[in-house]
Protein backbone atom coordinates (compact mmCIF):
# COMPACT_ATOMS: atom_id res chain seq x y z
CA MET A 1 17.03 0.03 5.43
CA GLU A 2 15.86 -1.75 8.54
CA ARG A 3 16.38 -5.50 8.48
CA LYS A 4 13.89 -7.98 9.88
CA TYR A 5 16.31 -10.90 9.52
CA GLU A 6 20.06 -10.85 10.06
CA PRO A 7 22.22 -13.20 7.96
CA ASN A 8 24.30 -14.13 11.04
CA ASP A 9 21.23 -15.76 12.59
CA PHE A 10 21.13 -18.45 9.89
CA PRO A 11 23.45 -21.29 8.93
CA TYR A 12 25.58 -21.47 5.81
CA PRO A 13 24.69 -21.20 2.91
CA LEU A 14 21.45 -19.41 3.78
CA ASP A 15 23.36 -16.62 5.51
CA GLU A 16 25.18 -15.77 2.28
CA ASP A 17 21.96 -15.88 0.27
CA ILE A 18 20.21 -13.51 2.69
CA GLN A 19 23.14 -11.10 2.48
CA ALA A 20 23.04 -11.31 -1.32
CA VAL A 21 19.34 -10.38 -1.29
CA TYR A 22 19.96 -7.40 0.98
CA ASP A 23 22.83 -6.26 -1.26
CA ALA A 24 20.69 -6.63 -4.39
CA LYS A 25 17.86 -4.71 -2.70
CA GLU A 26 20.20 -1.83 -1.83
CA ASN A 27 21.48 -1.69 -5.42
CA SER A 28 17.95 -1.81 -6.78
CA ASP A 29 16.81 0.99 -4.47
CA LYS A 30 19.66 3.23 -5.65
CA ASP A 31 18.44 3.00 -9.24
CA PRO A 32 14.78 1.86 -9.25
CA ASP A 33 14.35 2.39 -12.98
CA ASN A 34 17.16 -0.03 -13.87
CA SER A 35 15.48 -3.27 -14.96
CA ARG A 36 18.78 -5.20 -14.72
CA LYS A 37 19.10 -4.41 -11.01
CA PHE A 38 15.48 -5.43 -10.46
CA TYR A 39 16.17 -8.71 -12.28
CA LEU A 40 19.23 -9.34 -10.09
CA LEU A 41 17.09 -8.79 -7.00
CA LYS A 42 14.53 -11.34 -8.23
CA LYS A 43 17.32 -13.79 -9.02
CA ALA A 44 18.86 -13.39 -5.55
CA ILE A 45 15.49 -14.05 -3.91
CA TYR A 46 14.87 -17.06 -6.15
CA ASP A 47 18.33 -18.49 -5.35
CA MET A 48 17.65 -18.01 -1.64
CA CYS A 49 14.34 -19.86 -2.00
CA LEU A 50 16.11 -22.81 -3.62
CA THR A 51 18.57 -22.92 -0.73
CA MET A 52 15.72 -22.80 1.79
CA LYS A 53 13.89 -25.60 -0.01
CA SER A 54 16.91 -27.86 0.16
CA MET A 55 17.52 -26.95 3.81
CA CYS A 56 13.93 -27.88 4.65
CA ILE A 57 14.35 -31.24 2.93
CA THR A 58 17.49 -31.97 4.96
CA GLY A 59 15.86 -30.75 8.19
CA GLU A 60 18.18 -27.76 8.66
CA LEU A 61 15.33 -25.24 8.39
CA ARG A 62 11.76 -25.46 9.63
CA PRO A 63 9.04 -24.92 7.01
CA ASP A 64 7.40 -22.14 9.05
CA VAL A 65 10.69 -20.20 9.11
CA ARG A 66 11.07 -20.76 5.35
CA ASP A 67 7.57 -19.41 4.76
CA ASP A 68 8.21 -16.31 6.91
CA LEU A 69 11.48 -15.61 5.11
CA SER A 70 9.88 -16.12 1.70
CA ASP A 71 6.99 -13.78 2.45
CA TYR A 72 9.32 -11.09 3.76
CA PHE A 73 11.84 -11.18 0.92
CA TRP A 74 9.36 -11.61 -1.95
CA GLY A 75 7.69 -8.49 -0.52
CA PHE A 76 10.78 -6.55 -1.63
CA LEU A 77 9.45 -6.74 -5.18
CA LEU A 78 6.19 -4.97 -4.41
């Protein structure tokens, strides 16, 4: 899977959340009919979005970057 965003390019804790989403996506792709793995992917993306929201509030992340990341990762569910 080709990655548009690398976790190392982002500060903690967003880097760990991005890696968790990629890991959940790989697990989901291995068994696409497993609803539990799909749920874990959604949860990882949701958790990452909460982290991004808090980082935007504290000024650690620009809103345009948050929006780009959100669009890209929520697209994994399509």
